[in-house]
Amino acid sequence: MADTTTTTRKAGAPKPKGNGKTCSIEGCKRSYQAKNYCFFHYDKWKAGELPKSRYKTCGNEACLKKVTAHGLCAEHQPKKAGVAPAAAPA
């Protein structure tokens, strides 16, 4: 005869951490996940999209990449081959 064992699945998402704490972002009612943020805002924090980001961000406008040196990301660093960066047209 065929074996009639069944496997059970977990029902729903895992329970959130924090014992009833909520996200520290104003207006967010999701439960606490890590660093006082819910899962949604925690991912944004890791990506550097929140005002208090995970790491220092590039000093160039609208660039949220991680700083490598002198307040700029690798993309906005002047070339080290002795060539000065081109000035922006006025």
N, C-alpha and C. Protein backbone atom coordinates (compact mmCIF):
# COMPACT_ATOMS: atom_id res chain seq x y z
N MET A 1 0.81 -1.19 0.00
CA MET A 1 0.00 0.00 0.00
C MET A 1 0.86 1.25 0.00
N ALA A 2 0.29 2.33 -0.46
CA ALA A 2 1.00 3.60 -0.52
C ALA A 2 1.03 4.23 0.87
N ASP A 3 2.13 4.90 1.13
CA ASP A 3 2.28 5.60 2.41
C ASP A 3 1.45 6.88 2.37
N THR A 4 0.61 7.09 3.34
CA THR A 4 -0.30 8.25 3.35
C THR A 4 0.11 9.31 4.36
N THR A 5 1.39 9.58 4.43
CA THR A 5 1.83 10.64 5.34
C THR A 5 1.64 11.99 4.68
N THR A 6 1.29 12.96 5.45
CA THR A 6 1.11 14.31 4.93
C THR A 6 2.10 15.24 5.61
N THR A 7 2.55 16.21 4.87
CA THR A 7 3.45 17.21 5.45
C THR A 7 2.65 18.47 5.73
N THR A 8 2.94 19.08 6.84
CA THR A 8 2.22 20.30 7.20
C THR A 8 3.09 21.51 6.89
N ARG A 9 2.45 22.56 6.47
CA ARG A 9 3.15 23.81 6.18
C ARG A 9 2.92 24.77 7.34
N LYS A 10 3.85 25.69 7.45
CA LYS A 10 3.66 26.74 8.44
C LYS A 10 2.54 27.64 7.97
N ALA A 11 1.72 28.04 8.86
CA ALA A 11 0.59 28.91 8.52
C ALA A 11 0.96 30.36 8.73
N GLY A 12 1.16 31.09 7.66
CA GLY A 12 1.41 32.52 7.76
C GLY A 12 2.88 32.88 7.97
N ALA A 13 3.12 34.16 8.09
CA ALA A 13 4.46 34.70 8.28
C ALA A 13 4.92 34.48 9.72
N PRO A 14 6.23 34.51 9.94
CA PRO A 14 6.71 34.36 11.31
C PRO A 14 6.26 35.52 12.19
N LYS A 15 6.16 35.28 13.46
CA LYS A 15 5.72 36.34 14.38
C LYS A 15 6.80 37.40 14.48
N PRO A 16 6.40 38.67 14.50
CA PRO A 16 7.37 39.75 14.59
C PRO A 16 8.01 39.82 15.97
N LYS A 17 9.24 40.35 15.99
CA LYS A 17 9.96 40.54 17.25
C LYS A 17 9.44 41.80 17.93
N GLY A 18 9.86 42.02 19.15
CA GLY A 18 9.59 43.30 19.78
C GLY A 18 8.51 43.32 20.83
N ASN A 19 7.82 42.23 21.04
CA ASN A 19 6.81 42.16 22.10
C ASN A 19 5.82 43.32 22.05
N GLY A 20 5.24 43.59 20.90
CA GLY A 20 4.22 44.62 20.80
C GLY A 20 4.75 45.99 20.40
N LYS A 21 6.04 46.14 20.20
CA LYS A 21 6.59 47.43 19.76
C LYS A 21 6.18 47.69 18.32
N THR A 22 6.12 48.95 17.96
CA THR A 22 5.81 49.31 16.58
C THR A 22 7.00 50.05 15.97
N CYS A 23 6.93 50.26 14.67
CA CYS A 23 7.98 50.94 13.92
C CYS A 23 8.15 52.37 14.44
N SER A 24 9.39 52.87 14.42
CA SER A 24 9.66 54.21 14.95
C SER A 24 9.36 55.33 13.95
N ILE A 25 9.01 54.99 12.72
CA ILE A 25 8.65 55.99 11.72
C ILE A 25 7.25 56.50 12.02
N GLU A 26 7.09 57.82 11.98
CA GLU A 26 5.79 58.42 12.30
C GLU A 26 4.72 57.95 11.33
N GLY A 27 3.60 57.52 11.86
CA GLY A 27 2.47 57.10 11.04
C GLY A 27 2.50 55.63 10.63
N CYS A 28 3.61 54.93 10.88
CA CYS A 28 3.71 53.52 10.51
C CYS A 28 3.20 52.68 11.67
N LYS A 29 2.28 51.76 11.38
CA LYS A 29 1.69 50.93 12.43
C LYS A 29 2.18 49.49 12.38
N ARG A 30 3.16 49.21 11.53
CA ARG A 30 3.69 47.85 11.44
C ARG A 30 4.47 47.51 12.70
N SER A 31 4.63 46.24 12.95
CA SER A 31 5.35 45.82 14.15
C SER A 31 6.86 45.89 13.93
N TYR A 32 7.55 46.02 15.03
CA TYR A 32 9.00 46.15 15.08
C TYR A 32 9.68 44.91 14.50
N GLN A 33 10.72 45.13 13.68
CA GLN A 33 11.52 44.03 13.15
C GLN A 33 12.95 44.13 13.68
N ALA A 34 13.65 45.24 13.38
CA ALA A 34 15.03 45.44 13.82
C ALA A 34 15.36 46.92 13.76
N LYS A 35 16.30 47.36 14.60
CA LYS A 35 16.75 48.75 14.64
C LYS A 35 15.59 49.75 14.80
N ASN A 36 14.55 49.36 15.51
CA ASN A 36 13.34 50.16 15.75
C ASN A 36 12.54 50.44 14.48
N TYR A 37 12.72 49.65 13.43
CA TYR A 37 11.98 49.78 12.19
C TYR A 37 11.21 48.50 11.90
N CYS A 38 10.13 48.63 11.12
CA CYS A 38 9.42 47.45 10.62
C CYS A 38 10.24 46.88 9.46
N PHE A 39 9.81 45.74 8.91
CA PHE A 39 10.57 45.11 7.83
C PHE A 39 10.70 46.04 6.63
N PHE A 40 9.67 46.81 6.33
CA PHE A 40 9.67 47.71 5.18
C PHE A 40 10.69 48.84 5.36
N HIS A 41 10.63 49.52 6.49
CA HIS A 41 11.54 50.63 6.74
C HIS A 41 12.96 50.16 7.04
N TYR A 42 13.10 48.96 7.57
CA TYR A 42 14.43 48.39 7.80
C TYR A 42 15.14 48.18 6.47
N ASP A 43 14.42 47.69 5.46
CA ASP A 43 15.01 47.52 4.13
C ASP A 43 15.40 48.87 3.54
N LYS A 44 14.57 49.88 3.75
CA LYS A 44 14.90 51.22 3.27
C LYS A 44 16.13 51.77 4.00
N TRP A 45 16.23 51.49 5.29
CA TRP A 45 17.39 51.93 6.08
C TRP A 45 18.66 51.28 5.54
N LYS A 46 18.59 49.99 5.23
CA LYS A 46 19.76 49.28 4.71
C LYS A 46 20.18 49.83 3.35
N ALA A 47 19.22 50.27 2.56
CA ALA A 47 19.51 50.82 1.23
C ALA A 47 19.96 52.28 1.29
N GLY A 48 19.88 52.90 2.46
CA GLY A 48 20.30 54.30 2.60
C GLY A 48 19.24 55.28 2.17
N GLU A 49 17.98 54.87 2.15
CA GLU A 49 16.91 55.74 1.68
C GLU A 49 16.21 56.51 2.79
N LEU A 50 16.61 56.32 4.03
CA LEU A 50 16.02 57.07 5.14
C LEU A 50 16.98 58.17 5.56
N PRO A 51 16.47 59.24 6.20
CA PRO A 51 17.35 60.34 6.62
C PRO A 51 18.51 59.88 7.50
N LYS A 52 18.27 58.97 8.44
CA LYS A 52 19.35 58.40 9.25
C LYS A 52 19.73 57.08 8.61
N SER A 53 20.61 57.12 7.63
CA SER A 53 20.92 55.91 6.88
C SER A 53 21.96 55.05 7.58
N ARG A 54 22.16 53.89 7.04
CA ARG A 54 23.07 52.89 7.58
C ARG A 54 24.52 53.37 7.54
N TYR A 55 24.87 54.09 6.52
CA TYR A 55 26.23 54.56 6.34
C TYR A 55 26.18 55.98 5.79
N LYS A 56 27.30 56.64 5.76
CA LYS A 56 27.34 58.00 5.21
C LYS A 56 27.15 57.92 3.71
N THR A 57 26.35 58.83 3.18
CA THR A 57 26.05 58.83 1.76
C THR A 57 26.85 59.92 1.04
N CYS A 58 26.94 59.78 -0.27
CA CYS A 58 27.71 60.67 -1.13
C CYS A 58 27.25 62.12 -0.97
N GLY A 59 28.19 63.05 -1.03
CA GLY A 59 27.87 64.47 -0.89
C GLY A 59 27.28 65.07 -2.15
N ASN A 60 27.32 64.35 -3.26
CA ASN A 60 26.74 64.84 -4.50
C ASN A 60 25.22 64.80 -4.39
N GLU A 61 24.55 65.77 -4.98
CA GLU A 61 23.09 65.86 -4.88
C GLU A 61 22.42 64.61 -5.45
N ALA A 62 21.41 64.13 -4.77
CA ALA A 62 20.56 63.01 -5.19
C ALA A 62 21.31 61.70 -5.34
N CYS A 63 22.52 61.59 -4.81
CA CYS A 63 23.27 60.33 -4.85
C CYS A 63 23.22 59.71 -3.47
N LEU A 64 22.72 58.49 -3.37
CA LEU A 64 22.59 57.81 -2.08
C LEU A 64 23.59 56.67 -1.92
N LYS A 65 24.65 56.67 -2.74
CA LYS A 65 25.64 55.60 -2.66
C LYS A 65 26.55 55.80 -1.45
N LYS A 66 27.20 54.73 -1.02
CA LYS A 66 28.08 54.74 0.14
C LYS A 66 29.34 55.56 -0.13
N VAL A 67 29.76 56.34 0.85
CA VAL A 67 30.98 57.14 0.74
C VAL A 67 32.19 56.22 0.76
N THR A 68 33.12 56.46 -0.18
CA THR A 68 34.37 55.70 -0.17
C THR A 68 35.51 56.54 0.38
N ALA A 69 35.58 57.82 0.01
CA ALA A 69 36.62 58.70 0.53
C ALA A 69 36.24 60.15 0.29
N HIS A 70 36.63 61.01 1.20
CA HIS A 70 36.47 62.45 1.07
C HIS A 70 35.02 62.88 0.85
N GLY A 71 34.07 62.14 1.40
CA GLY A 71 32.67 62.52 1.32
C GLY A 71 31.98 62.21 0.01
N LEU A 72 32.64 61.45 -0.87
CA LEU A 72 32.05 61.12 -2.17
C LEU A 72 32.09 59.62 -2.41
N CYS A 73 31.16 59.14 -3.25
CA CYS A 73 31.16 57.71 -3.61
C CYS A 73 32.23 57.49 -4.68
N ALA A 74 32.45 56.23 -5.03
CA ALA A 74 33.48 55.89 -6.01
C ALA A 74 33.18 56.51 -7.38
N GLU A 75 31.92 56.63 -7.73
CA GLU A 75 31.54 57.19 -9.03
C GLU A 75 31.87 58.67 -9.13
N HIS A 76 31.75 59.40 -8.02
CA HIS A 76 31.96 60.84 -8.04
C HIS A 76 33.36 61.26 -7.59
N GLN A 77 34.24 60.32 -7.33
CA GLN A 77 35.61 60.63 -6.97
C GLN A 77 36.35 61.15 -8.20
N PRO A 78 37.20 62.18 -8.03
CA PRO A 78 38.01 62.61 -9.17
C PRO A 78 39.00 61.49 -9.52
N LYS A 79 39.33 61.38 -10.80
CA LYS A 79 40.24 60.34 -11.25
C LYS A 79 41.62 60.55 -10.64
N LYS A 80 42.30 59.47 -10.29
CA LYS A 80 43.60 59.57 -9.63
C LYS A 80 44.76 59.58 -10.62
N ALA A 81 44.49 59.65 -11.92
CA ALA A 81 45.53 59.62 -12.93
C ALA A 81 46.10 61.02 -13.19
N GLY A 82 45.79 61.98 -12.34
CA GLY A 82 46.32 63.32 -12.52
C GLY A 82 45.44 64.21 -13.40
N VAL A 83 44.34 63.68 -13.87
CA VAL A 83 43.43 64.46 -14.71
C VAL A 83 42.36 65.08 -13.81
N ALA A 84 42.21 66.38 -13.92
CA ALA A 84 41.20 67.07 -13.11
C ALA A 84 39.82 66.77 -13.67
N PRO A 85 38.82 66.66 -12.82
CA PRO A 85 37.46 66.42 -13.32
C PRO A 85 36.96 67.59 -14.16
N ALA A 86 36.19 67.28 -15.18
CA ALA A 86 35.66 68.32 -16.05
C ALA A 86 34.65 69.19 -15.29
N ALA A 87 34.74 70.49 -15.49
CA ALA A 87 33.81 71.40 -14.83
C ALA A 87 32.46 71.35 -15.54
N ALA A 88 31.40 71.50 -14.77
CA ALA A 88 30.06 71.50 -15.34
C ALA A 88 29.83 72.79 -16.11
N PRO A 89 29.16 72.71 -17.28
CA PRO A 89 28.89 73.94 -18.04
C PRO A 89 27.93 74.85 -17.27
N ALA A 90 28.15 76.14 -17.43
CA ALA A 90 27.33 77.12 -16.71
C ALA A 90 26.00 77.36 -17.37
